[in-house]
PDB file of all heavy atoms in Angstrom:
ATOM      1  N   GLY A   1    -167.672-284.886  61.179  1.00  0.00           N
ATOM      2  CA  GLY A   1    -166.377-284.568  60.595  1.00  0.00           C
ATOM      3  C   GLY A   1    -166.410-284.612  59.083  1.00  0.00           C
ATOM      4  O   GLY A   1    -165.783-283.771  58.410  1.00  0.00           O
ATOM      5  N   ASP A   2    -167.140-285.571  58.533  1.00  0.00           N
ATOM      6  CA  ASP A   2    -167.271-285.655  57.077  1.00  0.00           C
ATOM      7  C   ASP A   2    -167.960-284.413  56.518  1.00  0.00           C
ATOM      8  O   ASP A   2    -167.582-283.896  55.456  1.00  0.00           O
ATOM      9  CB  ASP A   2    -168.060-286.910  56.685  1.00  0.00           C
ATOM     10  CG  ASP A   2    -167.260-288.190  56.852  1.00  0.00           C
ATOM     11  OD1 ASP A   2    -166.034-288.095  57.044  1.00  0.00           O
ATOM     12  OD2 ASP A   2    -167.860-289.276  56.787  1.00  0.00           O
ATOM     13  N   ARG A   3    -168.971-283.931  57.227  1.00  0.00           N
ATOM     14  CA  ARG A   3    -169.676-282.730  56.756  1.00  0.00           C
ATOM     15  C   ARG A   3    -168.753-281.508  56.791  1.00  0.00           C
ATOM     16  O   ARG A   3    -168.824-280.640  55.917  1.00  0.00           O
ATOM     17  CB  ARG A   3    -170.930-282.487  57.608  1.00  0.00           C
ATOM     18  CG  ARG A   3    -172.056-283.483  57.327  1.00  0.00           C
ATOM     19  CD  ARG A   3    -173.365-283.025  57.948  1.00  0.00           C
ATOM     20  NE  ARG A   3    -173.330-283.098  59.402  1.00  0.00           N
ATOM     21  CZ  ARG A   3    -173.662-284.167  60.122  1.00  0.00           C
ATOM     22  NH1 ARG A   3    -174.054-285.276  59.504  1.00  0.00           N
ATOM     23  NH2 ARG A   3    -173.615-284.141  61.436  1.00  0.00           N
ATOM     24  N   VAL A   4    -167.879-281.449  57.793  1.00  0.00           N
ATOM     25  CA  VAL A   4    -166.913-280.346  57.858  1.00  0.00           C
ATOM     26  C   VAL A   4    -165.961-280.425  56.664  1.00  0.00           C
ATOM     27  O   VAL A   4    -165.657-279.407  56.029  1.00  0.00           O
ATOM     28  CB  VAL A   4    -166.126-280.399  59.182  1.00  0.00           C
ATOM     29  CG1 VAL A   4    -164.935-279.429  59.134  1.00  0.00           C
ATOM     30  CG2 VAL A   4    -167.034-280.032  60.341  1.00  0.00           C
ATOM     31  N   LEU A   5    -165.483-281.614  56.354  1.00  0.00           N
ATOM     32  CA  LEU A   5    -164.600-281.782  55.203  1.00  0.00           C
ATOM     33  C   LEU A   5    -165.282-281.305  53.921  1.00  0.00           C
ATOM     34  O   LEU A   5    -164.658-280.637  53.085  1.00  0.00           O
ATOM     35  CB  LEU A   5    -164.193-283.248  55.063  1.00  0.00           C
ATOM     36  CG  LEU A   5    -163.196-283.782  56.091  1.00  0.00           C
ATOM     37  CD1 LEU A   5    -163.089-285.298  55.994  1.00  0.00           C
ATOM     38  CD2 LEU A   5    -161.817-283.144  55.889  1.00  0.00           C
ATOM     39  N   GLN A   6    -166.558-281.629  53.760  1.00  0.00           N
ATOM     40  CA  GLN A   6    -167.287-281.213  52.567  1.00  0.00           C
ATOM     41  C   GLN A   6    -167.436-279.692  52.501  1.00  0.00           C
ATOM     42  O   GLN A   6    -167.274-279.078  51.444  1.00  0.00           O
ATOM     43  CB  GLN A   6    -168.665-281.882  52.553  1.00  0.00           C
ATOM     44  CG  GLN A   6    -168.600-283.389  52.322  1.00  0.00           C
ATOM     45  CD  GLN A   6    -169.943-284.068  52.549  1.00  0.00           C
ATOM     46  OE1 GLN A   6    -170.796-283.563  53.287  1.00  0.00           O
ATOM     47  NE2 GLN A   6    -170.133-285.208  51.911  1.00  0.00           N
ATOM     48  N   ARG A   7    -167.722-279.072  53.651  1.00  0.00           N
ATOM     49  CA  ARG A   7    -167.930-277.626  53.655  1.00  0.00           C
ATOM     50  C   ARG A   7    -166.612-276.868  53.445  1.00  0.00           C
ATOM     51  O   ARG A   7    -166.586-275.842  52.762  1.00  0.00           O
ATOM     52  CB  ARG A   7    -168.602-277.209  54.972  1.00  0.00           C
ATOM     53  CG  ARG A   7    -169.990-277.815  55.144  1.00  0.00           C
ATOM     54  CD  ARG A   7    -170.635-277.380  56.436  1.00  0.00           C
ATOM     55  NE  ARG A   7    -171.065-275.974  56.382  1.00  0.00           N
ATOM     56  CZ  ARG A   7    -171.664-275.345  57.395  1.00  0.00           C
ATOM     57  NH1 ARG A   7    -171.884-276.010  58.535  1.00  0.00           N
ATOM     58  NH2 ARG A   7    -172.029-274.095  57.270  1.00  0.00           N
ATOM     59  N   VAL A   8    -165.541-277.381  54.005  1.00  0.00           N
ATOM     60  CA  VAL A   8    -164.239-276.745  53.775  1.00  0.00           C
ATOM     61  C   VAL A   8    -163.819-276.913  52.320  1.00  0.00           C
ATOM     62  O   VAL A   8    -163.276-275.985  51.699  1.00  0.00           O
ATOM     63  CB  VAL A   8    -163.178-277.323  54.723  1.00  0.00           C
ATOM     64  CG1 VAL A   8    -161.773-276.837  54.343  1.00  0.00           C
ATOM     65  CG2 VAL A   8    -163.482-276.933  56.170  1.00  0.00           C
ATOM     66  N   ALA A   9    -164.067-278.102  51.748  1.00  0.00           N
ATOM     67  CA  ALA A   9    -163.748-278.327  50.327  1.00  0.00           C
ATOM     68  C   ALA A   9    -164.499-277.334  49.453  1.00  0.00           C
ATOM     69  O   ALA A   9    -163.940-276.769  48.500  1.00  0.00           O
ATOM     70  CB  ALA A   9    -164.100-279.764  49.940  1.00  0.00           C
ATOM     71  N   HIS A  10    -165.778-277.107  49.767  1.00  0.00           N
ATOM     72  CA  HIS A  10    -166.575-276.141  49.005  1.00  0.00           C
ATOM     73  C   HIS A  10    -166.011-274.731  49.181  1.00  0.00           C
ATOM     74  O   HIS A  10    -165.962-273.943  48.211  1.00  0.00           O
ATOM     75  CB  HIS A  10    -168.024-276.177  49.470  1.00  0.00           C
ATOM     76  CG  HIS A  10    -168.882-275.125  48.831  1.00  0.00           C
ATOM     77  ND1 HIS A  10    -169.274-275.171  47.513  1.00  0.00           N
ATOM     78  CD2 HIS A  10    -169.397-273.953  49.339  1.00  0.00           C
ATOM     79  CE1 HIS A  10    -170.004-274.106  47.224  1.00  0.00           C
ATOM     80  NE2 HIS A  10    -170.088-273.352  48.307  1.00  0.00           N
ATOM     81  N   ALA A  11    -165.574-274.397  50.397  1.00  0.00           N
ATOM     82  CA  ALA A  11    -165.012-273.069  50.648  1.00  0.00           C
ATOM     83  C   ALA A  11    -163.768-272.839  49.811  1.00  0.00           C
ATOM     84  O   ALA A  11    -163.587-271.768  49.217  1.00  0.00           O
ATOM     85  CB  ALA A  11    -164.680-272.923  52.137  1.00  0.00           C
ATOM     86  N   ILE A  12    -162.905-273.844  49.735  1.00  0.00           N
ATOM     87  CA  ILE A  12    -161.679-273.715  48.939  1.00  0.00           C
ATOM     88  C   ILE A  12    -162.025-273.565  47.466  1.00  0.00           C
ATOM     89  O   ILE A  12    -161.517-272.679  46.775  1.00  0.00           O
ATOM     90  CB  ILE A  12    -160.765-274.930  49.157  1.00  0.00           C
ATOM     91  CG1 ILE A  12    -160.324-275.012  50.619  1.00  0.00           C
ATOM     92  CG2 ILE A  12    -159.543-274.865  48.252  1.00  0.00           C
ATOM     93  CD1 ILE A  12    -159.571-276.276  50.970  1.00  0.00           C
ATOM     94  N   LYS A  13    -162.914-274.434  46.982  1.00  0.00           N
ATOM     95  CA  LYS A  13    -163.271-274.424  45.562  1.00  0.00           C
ATOM     96  C   LYS A  13    -163.916-273.106  45.152  1.00  0.00           C
ATOM     97  O   LYS A  13    -163.712-272.611  44.031  1.00  0.00           O
ATOM     98  CB  LYS A  13    -164.218-275.591  45.277  1.00  0.00           C
ATOM     99  CG  LYS A  13    -164.498-275.834  43.800  1.00  0.00           C
ATOM    100  CD  LYS A  13    -163.272-276.364  43.082  1.00  0.00           C
ATOM    101  CE  LYS A  13    -163.577-276.707  41.645  1.00  0.00           C
ATOM    102  NZ  LYS A  13    -162.368-277.111  40.898  1.00  0.00           N
ATOM    103  N   SER A  14    -164.676-272.501  46.062  1.00  0.00           N
ATOM    104  CA  SER A  14    -165.417-271.277  45.721  1.00  0.00           C
ATOM    105  C   SER A  14    -164.517-270.052  45.591  1.00  0.00           C
ATOM    106  O   SER A  14    -164.938-269.043  45.022  1.00  0.00           O
ATOM    107  CB  SER A  14    -166.488-271.009  46.776  1.00  0.00           C
ATOM    108  OG  SER A  14    -165.885-270.641  48.013  1.00  0.00           O
ATOM    109  N   GLN A  15    -163.290-270.133  46.106  1.00  0.00           N
ATOM    110  CA  GLN A  15    -162.422-268.963  46.119  1.00  0.00           C
ATOM    111  C   GLN A  15    -161.273-269.031  45.121  1.00  0.00           C
ATOM    112  O   GLN A  15    -160.394-268.169  45.131  1.00  0.00           O
ATOM    113  CB  GLN A  15    -161.850-268.770  47.536  1.00  0.00           C
ATOM    114  CG  GLN A  15    -162.893-268.551  48.606  1.00  0.00           C
ATOM    115  CD  GLN A  15    -163.773-267.342  48.320  1.00  0.00           C
ATOM    116  OE1 GLN A  15    -163.274-266.268  48.014  1.00  0.00           O
ATOM    117  NE2 GLN A  15    -165.095-267.516  48.411  1.00  0.00           N
ATOM    118  N   VAL A  16    -161.259-270.041  44.274  1.00  0.00           N
ATOM    119  CA  VAL A  16    -160.171-270.180  43.308  1.00  0.00           C
ATOM    120  C   VAL A  16    -160.719-270.135  41.884  1.00  0.00           C
ATOM    121  O   VAL A  16    -161.927-270.200  41.660  1.00  0.00           O
ATOM    122  CB  VAL A  16    -159.390-271.499  43.528  1.00  0.00           C
ATOM    123  CG1 VAL A  16    -158.765-271.520  44.901  1.00  0.00           C
ATOM    124  CG2 VAL A  16    -160.294-272.711  43.328  1.00  0.00           C
ATOM    125  N   ARG A  17    -159.810-270.040  40.931  1.00  0.00           N
ATOM    126  CA  ARG A  17    -160.188-269.994  39.515  1.00  0.00           C
ATOM    127  C   ARG A  17    -160.403-271.389  38.970  1.00  0.00           C
ATOM    128  O   ARG A  17    -159.973-272.385  39.551  1.00  0.00           O
ATOM    129  CB  ARG A  17    -159.078-269.295  38.723  1.00  0.00           C
ATOM    130  CG  ARG A  17    -158.733-267.909  39.208  1.00  0.00           C
ATOM    131  CD  ARG A  17    -157.416-267.438  38.624  1.00  0.00           C
ATOM    132  NE  ARG A  17    -156.302-268.311  38.996  1.00  0.00           N
ATOM    133  CZ  ARG A  17    -155.045-268.137  38.614  1.00  0.00           C
ATOM    134  NH1 ARG A  17    -154.741-267.113  37.836  1.00  0.00           N
ATOM    135  NH2 ARG A  17    -154.097-268.978  39.005  1.00  0.00           N
ATOM    136  N   GLU A  18    -161.051-271.468  37.825  1.00  0.00           N
ATOM    137  CA  GLU A  18    -161.276-272.755  37.183  1.00  0.00           C
ATOM    138  C   GLU A  18    -159.964-273.419  36.789  1.00  0.00           C
ATOM    139  O   GLU A  18    -159.859-274.635  36.735  1.00  0.00           O
ATOM    140  CB  GLU A  18    -162.157-272.584  35.934  1.00  0.00           C
ATOM    141  CG  GLU A  18    -163.608-272.255  36.216  1.00  0.00           C
ATOM    142  CD  GLU A  18    -164.347-273.404  36.881  1.00  0.00           C
ATOM    143  OE1 GLU A  18    -163.987-274.568  36.621  1.00  0.00           O
ATOM    144  OE2 GLU A  18    -165.261-273.140  37.670  1.00  0.00           O
ATOM    145  N   THR A  19    -158.960-272.597  36.508  1.00  0.00           N
ATOM    146  CA  THR A  19    -157.675-273.139  36.063  1.00  0.00           C
ATOM    147  C   THR A  19    -156.799-273.617  37.222  1.00  0.00           C
ATOM    148  O   THR A  19    -155.788-274.274  36.992  1.00  0.00           O
ATOM    149  CB  THR A  19    -156.899-272.071  35.270  1.00  0.00           C
ATOM    150  OG1 THR A  19    -156.798-270.879  36.060  1.00  0.00           O
ATOM    151  CG2 THR A  19    -157.610-271.765  33.960  1.00  0.00           C
ATOM    152  N   ASP A  20    -157.165-273.257  38.458  1.00  0.00           N
ATOM    153  CA  ASP A  20    -156.383-273.696  39.612  1.00  0.00           C
ATOM    154  C   ASP A  20    -156.708-275.148  39.947  1.00  0.00           C
ATOM    155  O   ASP A  20    -157.813-275.633  39.669  1.00  0.00           O
ATOM    156  CB  ASP A  20    -156.681-272.811  40.827  1.00  0.00           C
ATOM    157  CG  ASP A  20    -156.263-271.369  40.593  1.00  0.00           C
ATOM    158  OD1 ASP A  20    -155.257-271.167  39.884  1.00  0.00           O
ATOM    159  OD2 ASP A  20    -156.951-270.462  41.099  1.00  0.00           O
ATOM    160  N   VAL A  21    -155.771-275.826  40.556  1.00  0.00           N
ATOM    161  CA  VAL A  21    -155.947-277.238  40.912  1.00  0.00           C
ATOM    162  C   VAL A  21    -156.218-277.343  42.408  1.00  0.00           C
ATOM    163  O   VAL A  21    -155.451-276.832  43.228  1.00  0.00           O
ATOM    164  CB  VAL A  21    -154.693-278.063  40.541  1.00  0.00           C
ATOM    165  CG1 VAL A  21    -154.788-279.464  41.129  1.00  0.00           C
ATOM    166  CG2 VAL A  21    -154.549-278.138  39.030  1.00  0.00           C
ATOM    167  N   VAL A  22    -157.326-277.990  42.757  1.00  0.00           N
ATOM    168  CA  VAL A  22    -157.687-278.215  44.158  1.00  0.00           C
ATOM    169  C   VAL A  22    -157.893-279.710  44.357  1.00  0.00           C
ATOM    170  O   VAL A  22    -158.544-280.365  43.550  1.00  0.00           O
ATOM    171  CB  VAL A  22    -158.981-277.462  44.533  1.00  0.00           C
ATOM    172  CG1 VAL A  22    -159.292-277.654  46.005  1.00  0.00           C
ATOM    173  CG2 VAL A  22    -158.867-275.989  44.202  1.00  0.00           C
ATOM    174  N   ALA A  23    -157.348-280.238  45.446  1.00  0.00           N
ATOM    175  CA  ALA A  23    -157.481-281.675  45.697  1.00  0.00           C
ATOM    176  C   ALA A  23    -157.497-281.935  47.197  1.00  0.00           C
ATOM    177  O   ALA A  23    -157.001-281.131  48.004  1.00  0.00           O
ATOM    178  CB  ALA A  23    -156.333-282.447  45.045  1.00  0.00           C
ATOM    179  N   ARG A  24    -158.085-283.064  47.557  1.00  0.00           N
ATOM    180  CA  ARG A  24    -157.967-283.547  48.935  1.00  0.00           C
ATOM    181  C   ARG A  24    -156.665-284.323  49.003  1.00  0.00           C
ATOM    182  O   ARG A  24    -156.522-285.384  48.404  1.00  0.00           O
ATOM    183  CB  ARG A  24    -159.167-284.417  49.297  1.00  0.00           C
ATOM    184  CG  ARG A  24    -159.160-284.827  50.778  1.00  0.00           C
ATOM    185  CD  ARG A  24    -160.339-285.703  51.117  1.00  0.00           C
ATOM    186  NE  ARG A  24    -160.295-286.119  52.515  1.00  0.00           N
ATOM    187  CZ  ARG A  24    -161.113-287.029  53.042  1.00  0.00           C
ATOM    188  NH1 ARG A  24    -162.026-287.612  52.280  1.00  0.00           N
ATOM    189  NH2 ARG A  24    -161.016-287.354  54.314  1.00  0.00           N
ATOM    190  N   TYR A  25    -155.740-283.788  49.767  1.00  0.00           N
ATOM    191  CA  TYR A  25    -154.387-284.344  49.798  1.00  0.00           C
ATOM    192  C   TYR A  25    -154.320-285.591  50.679  1.00  0.00           C
ATOM    193  O   TYR A  25    -153.499-286.479  50.465  1.00  0.00           O
ATOM    194  CB  TYR A  25    -153.428-283.277  50.308  1.00  0.00           C
ATOM    195  CG  TYR A  25    -151.977-283.561  50.044  1.00  0.00           C
ATOM    196  CD1 TYR A  25    -151.492-283.640  48.750  1.00  0.00           C
ATOM    197  CD2 TYR A  25    -151.078-283.720  51.100  1.00  0.00           C
ATOM    198  CE1 TYR A  25    -150.160-283.890  48.495  1.00  0.00           C
ATOM    199  CE2 TYR A  25    -149.744-283.960  50.863  1.00  0.00           C
ATOM    200  CZ  TYR A  25    -149.285-284.049  49.560  1.00  0.00           C
ATOM    201  OH  TYR A  25    -147.962-284.286  49.316  1.00  0.00           O
ATOM    202  N   GLY A  26    -155.201-285.658  51.660  1.00  0.00           N
ATOM    203  CA  GLY A  26    -155.250-286.810  52.555  1.00  0.00           C
ATOM    204  C   GLY A  26    -155.817-286.406  53.900  1.00  0.00           C
ATOM    205  O   GLY A  26    -155.449-285.367  54.460  1.00  0.00           O
ATOM    206  N   GLY A  27    -156.740-287.215  54.457  1.00  0.00           N
ATOM    207  CA  GLY A  27    -157.324-286.889  55.750  1.00  0.00           C
ATOM    208  C   GLY A  27    -158.008-285.551  55.730  1.00  0.00           C
ATOM    209  O   GLY A  27    -158.901-285.284  54.917  1.00  0.00           O
ATOM    210  N   GLU A  28    -157.583-284.643  56.634  1.00  0.00           N
ATOM    211  CA  GLU A  28    -158.159-283.299  56.705  1.00  0.00           C
ATOM    212  C   GLU A  28    -157.297-282.269  55.993  1.00  0.00           C
ATOM    213  O   GLU A  28    -157.447-281.061  56.221  1.00  0.00           O
ATOM    214  CB  GLU A  28    -158.352-282.878  58.171  1.00  0.00           C
ATOM    215  CG  GLU A  28    -157.074-282.631  58.932  1.00  0.00           C
ATOM    216  CD  GLU A  28    -156.498-283.889  59.589  1.00  0.00           C
ATOM    217  OE1 GLU A  28    -156.824-285.004  59.150  1.00  0.00           O
ATOM    218  OE2 GLU A  28    -155.732-283.729  60.540  1.00  0.00           O
ATOM    219  N   GLU A  29    -156.415-282.720  55.128  1.00  0.00           N
ATOM    220  CA  GLU A  29    -155.491-281.830  54.443  1.00  0.00           C
ATOM    221  C   GLU A  29    -155.867-281.684  52.963  1.00  0.00           C
ATOM    222  O   GLU A  29    -156.214-282.663  52.303  1.00  0.00           O
ATOM    223  CB  GLU A  29    -154.066-282.365  54.566  1.00  0.00           C
ATOM    224  CG  GLU A  29    -152.996-281.359  54.194  1.00  0.00           C
ATOM    225  CD  GLU A  29    -151.605-281.829  54.588  1.00  0.00           C
ATOM    226  OE1 GLU A  29    -151.487-282.899  55.220  1.00  0.00           O
ATOM    227  OE2 GLU A  29    -150.632-281.125  54.244  1.00  0.00           O
ATOM    228  N   PHE A  30    -155.779-280.464  52.461  1.00  0.00           N
ATOM    229  CA  PHE A  30    -156.095-280.155  51.073  1.00  0.00           C
ATOM    230  C   PHE A  30    -154.866-279.522  50.410  1.00  0.00           C
ATOM    231  O   PHE A  30    -153.994-278.969  51.085  1.00  0.00           O
ATOM    232  CB  PHE A  30    -157.280-279.200  50.982  1.00  0.00           C
ATOM    233  CG  PHE A  30    -158.532-279.735  51.613  1.00  0.00           C
ATOM    234  CD1 PHE A  30    -158.792-279.535  52.959  1.00  0.00           C
ATOM    235  CD2 PHE A  30    -159.455-280.445  50.861  1.00  0.00           C
ATOM    236  CE1 PHE A  30    -159.942-280.040  53.551  1.00  0.00           C
ATOM    237  CE2 PHE A  30    -160.614-280.954  51.433  1.00  0.00           C
ATOM    238  CZ  PHE A  30    -160.848-280.761  52.783  1.00  0.00           C
ATOM    239  N   ALA A  31    -154.818-279.612  49.081  1.00  0.00           N
ATOM    240  CA  ALA A  31    -153.703-279.047  48.318  1.00  0.00           C
ATOM    241  C   ALA A  31    -154.251-278.131  47.239  1.00  0.00           C
ATOM    242  O   ALA A  31    -155.292-278.403  46.644  1.00  0.00           O
ATOM    243  CB  ALA A  31    -152.854-280.154  47.698  1.00  0.00           C
ATOM    244  N   LEU A  32    -153.526-277.044  46.990  1.00  0.00           N
ATOM    245  CA  LEU A  32    -153.944-276.045  46.022  1.00  0.00           C
ATOM    246  C   LEU A  32    -152.727-275.632  45.200  1.00  0.00           C
ATOM    247  O   LEU A  32    -151.670-275.343  45.758  1.00  0.00           O
ATOM    248  CB  LEU A  32    -154.524-274.834  46.756  1.00  0.00           C
ATOM    249  CG  LEU A  32    -154.924-273.599  45.954  1.00  0.00           C
ATOM    250  CD1 LEU A  32    -156.006-273.943  44.950  1.00  0.00           C
ATOM    251  CD2 LEU A  32    -155.401-272.501  46.897  1.00  0.00           C
ATOM    252  N   VAL A  33    -152.872-275.642  43.875  1.00  0.00           N
ATOM    253  CA  VAL A  33    -151.792-275.213  42.981  1.00  0.00           C
ATOM    254  C   VAL A  33    -152.274-274.000  42.202  1.00  0.00           C
ATOM    255  O   VAL A  33    -153.303-274.061  41.520  1.00  0.00           O
ATOM    256  CB  VAL A  33    -151.371-276.333  42.002  1.00  0.00           C
ATOM    257  CG1 VAL A  33    -150.172-275.870  41.160  1.00  0.00           C
ATOM    258  CG2 VAL A  33    -151.014-277.604  42.745  1.00  0.00           C
ATOM    259  N   LEU A  34    -151.519-272.908  42.304  1.00  0.00           N
ATOM    260  CA  LEU A  34    -151.859-271.655  41.631  1.00  0.00           C
ATOM    261  C   LEU A  34    -150.776-271.343  40.614  1.00  0.00           C
ATOM    262  O   LEU A  34    -149.589-271.294  40.961  1.00  0.00           O
ATOM    263  CB  LEU A  34    -151.963-270.516  42.644  1.00  0.00           C
ATOM    264  CG  LEU A  34    -152.898-270.745  43.837  1.00  0.00           C
ATOM    265  CD1 LEU A  34    -152.709-269.650  44.866  1.00  0.00           C
ATOM    266  CD2 LEU A  34    -154.344-270.799  43.373  1.00  0.00           C
ATOM    267  N   LEU A  35    -151.184-271.118  39.398  1.00  0.00           N
ATOM    268  CA  LEU A  35    -150.237-270.812  38.323  1.00  0.00           C
ATOM    269  C   LEU A  35    -150.383-269.351  37.915  1.00  0.00           C
ATOM    270  O   LEU A  35    -151.502-268.821  37.858  1.00  0.00           O
ATOM    271  CB  LEU A  35    -150.505-271.721  37.117  1.00  0.00           C
ATOM    272  CG  LEU A  35    -149.370-271.899  36.103  1.00  0.00           C
ATOM    273  CD1 LEU A  35    -148.156-272.539  36.733  1.00  0.00           C
ATOM    274  CD2 LEU A  35    -149.853-272.736  34.919  1.00  0.00           C
ATOM    275  N   GLN A  36    -149.252-268.708  37.658  1.00  0.00           N
ATOM    276  CA  GLN A  36    -149.230-267.333  37.151  1.00  0.00           C
ATOM    277  C   GLN A  36    -149.865-266.334  38.115  1.00  0.00           C
ATOM    278  O   GLN A  36    -150.637-265.462  37.707  1.00  0.00           O
ATOM    279  CB  GLN A  36    -149.924-267.241  35.783  1.00  0.00           C
ATOM    280  CG  GLN A  36    -149.310-268.114  34.708  1.00  0.00           C
ATOM    281  CD  GLN A  36    -149.957-267.877  33.351  1.00  0.00           C
ATOM    282  OE1 GLN A  36    -150.107-266.749  32.925  1.00  0.00           O
ATOM    283  NE2 GLN A  36    -150.325-268.940  32.673  1.00  0.00           N
ATOM    284  N   VAL A  37    -149.567-266.445  39.407  1.00  0.00           N
ATOM    285  CA  VAL A  37    -150.000-265.442  40.386  1.00  0.00           C
ATOM    286  C   VAL A  37    -148.789-264.968  41.175  1.00  0.00           C
ATOM    287  O   VAL A  37    -147.817-265.702  41.349  1.00  0.00           O
ATOM    288  CB  VAL A  37    -151.083-265.984  41.347  1.00  0.00           C
ATOM    289  CG1 VAL A  37    -152.339-266.359  40.593  1.00  0.00           C
ATOM    290  CG2 VAL A  37    -150.561-267.166  42.147  1.00  0.00           C
ATOM    291  N   SER A  38    -148.858-263.760  41.655  1.00  0.00           N
ATOM    292  CA  SER A  38    -147.774-263.200  42.459  1.00  0.00           C
ATOM    293  C   SER A  38    -147.848-263.739  43.876  1.00  0.00           C
ATOM    294  O   SER A  38    -148.825-264.376  44.280  1.00  0.00           O
ATOM    295  CB  SER A  38    -147.878-261.679  42.472  1.00  0.00           C
ATOM    296  OG  SER A  38    -149.074-261.281  43.127  1.00  0.00           O
ATOM    297  N   VAL A  39    -146.802-263.421  44.672  1.00  0.00           N
ATOM    298  CA  VAL A  39    -146.808-263.819  46.079  1.00  0.00           C
ATOM    299  C   VAL A  39    -148.008-263.216  46.798  1.00  0.00           C
ATOM    300  O   VAL A  39    -148.727-263.902  47.534  1.00  0.00           O
ATOM    301  CB  VAL A  39    -145.491-263.372  46.760  1.00  0.00           C
ATOM    302  CG1 VAL A  39    -145.565-263.610  48.262  1.00  0.00           C
ATOM    303  CG2 VAL A  39    -144.309-264.127  46.183  1.00  0.00           C
ATOM    304  N   ALA A  40    -148.244-261.919  46.577  1.00  0.00           N
ATOM    305  CA  ALA A  40    -149.339-261.230  47.261  1.00  0.00           C
ATOM    306  C   ALA A  40    -150.693-261.837  46.901  1.00  0.00           C
ATOM    307  O   ALA A  40    -151.558-262.022  47.764  1.00  0.00           O
ATOM    308  CB  ALA A  40    -149.315-259.743  46.909  1.00  0.00           C
ATOM    309  N   THR A  41    -150.870-262.164  45.626  1.00  0.00           N
ATOM    310  CA  THR A  41    -152.148-262.741  45.191  1.00  0.00           C
ATOM    311  C   THR A  41    -152.352-264.128  45.779  1.00  0.00           C
ATOM    312  O   THR A  41    -153.457-264.485  46.209  1.00  0.00           O
ATOM    313  CB  THR A  41    -152.212-262.804  43.654  1.00  0.00           C
ATOM    314  OG1 THR A  41    -152.080-261.488  43.125  1.00  0.00           O
ATOM    315  CG2 THR A  41    -153.528-263.405  43.191  1.00  0.00           C
ATOM    316  N   ALA A  42    -151.287-264.936  45.798  1.00  0.00           N
ATOM    317  CA  ALA A  42    -151.386-266.282  46.371  1.00  0.00           C
ATOM    318  C   ALA A  42    -151.786-266.210  47.839  1.00  0.00           C
ATOM    319  O   ALA A  42    -152.669-266.938  48.306  1.00  0.00           O
ATOM    320  CB  ALA A  42    -150.056-267.014  46.212  1.00  0.00           C
ATOM    321  N   LEU A  43    -151.156-265.301  48.591  1.00  0.00           N
ATOM    322  CA  LEU A  43    -151.504-265.130  50.006  1.00  0.00           C
ATOM    323  C   LEU A  43    -152.932-264.637  50.161  1.00  0.00           C
ATOM    324  O   LEU A  43    -153.664-265.066  51.059  1.00  0.00           O
ATOM    325  CB  LEU A  43    -150.533-264.148  50.649  1.00  0.00           C
ATOM    326  CG  LEU A  43    -149.112-264.676  50.918  1.00  0.00           C
ATOM    327  CD1 LEU A  43    -148.180-263.530  51.254  1.00  0.00           C
ATOM    328  CD2 LEU A  43    -149.121-265.718  52.015  1.00  0.00           C
ATOM    329  N   GLN A  44    -153.347-263.741  49.286  1.00  0.00           N
ATOM    330  CA  GLN A  44    -154.706-263.195  49.354  1.00  0.00           C
ATOM    331  C   GLN A  44    -155.745-264.284  49.110  1.00  0.00           C
ATOM    332  O   GLN A  44    -156.795-264.314  49.763  1.00  0.00           O
ATOM    333  CB  GLN A  44    -154.858-262.070  48.338  1.00  0.00           C
ATOM    334  CG  GLN A  44    -156.153-261.282  48.499  1.00  0.00           C
ATOM    335  CD  GLN A  44    -156.274-260.188  47.466  1.00  0.00           C
ATOM    336  OE1 GLN A  44    -156.740-260.436  46.368  1.00  0.00           O
ATOM    337  NE2 GLN A  44    -155.834-258.978  47.813  1.00  0.00           N
ATOM    338  N   ILE A  45    -155.466-265.205  48.171  1.00  0.00           N
ATOM    339  CA  ILE A  45    -156.402-266.290  47.891  1.00  0.00           C
ATOM    340  C   ILE A  45    -156.578-267.175  49.119  1.00  0.00           C
ATOM    341  O   ILE A  45    -157.706-267.510  49.519  1.00  0.00           O
ATOM    342  CB  ILE A  45    -155.910-267.121  46.687  1.00  0.00           C
ATOM    343  CG1 ILE A  45    -156.051-266.311  45.395  1.00  0.00           C
ATOM    344  CG2 ILE A  45    -156.689-268.429  46.573  1.00  0.00           C
ATOM    345  CD1 ILE A  45    -155.412-266.963  44.191  1.00  0.00           C
TER     346      ILE A  45
END
């Protein structure tokens, strides 16, 4: 399970910009903050 968490964290980090905020929110949950993107772009990310 820990290895899955690490691989999912890498997947999230690899698809966002340097200016975006990515964090482990707790347990198996992650949080992502996107600034200055449209609805369509946020969904696409």
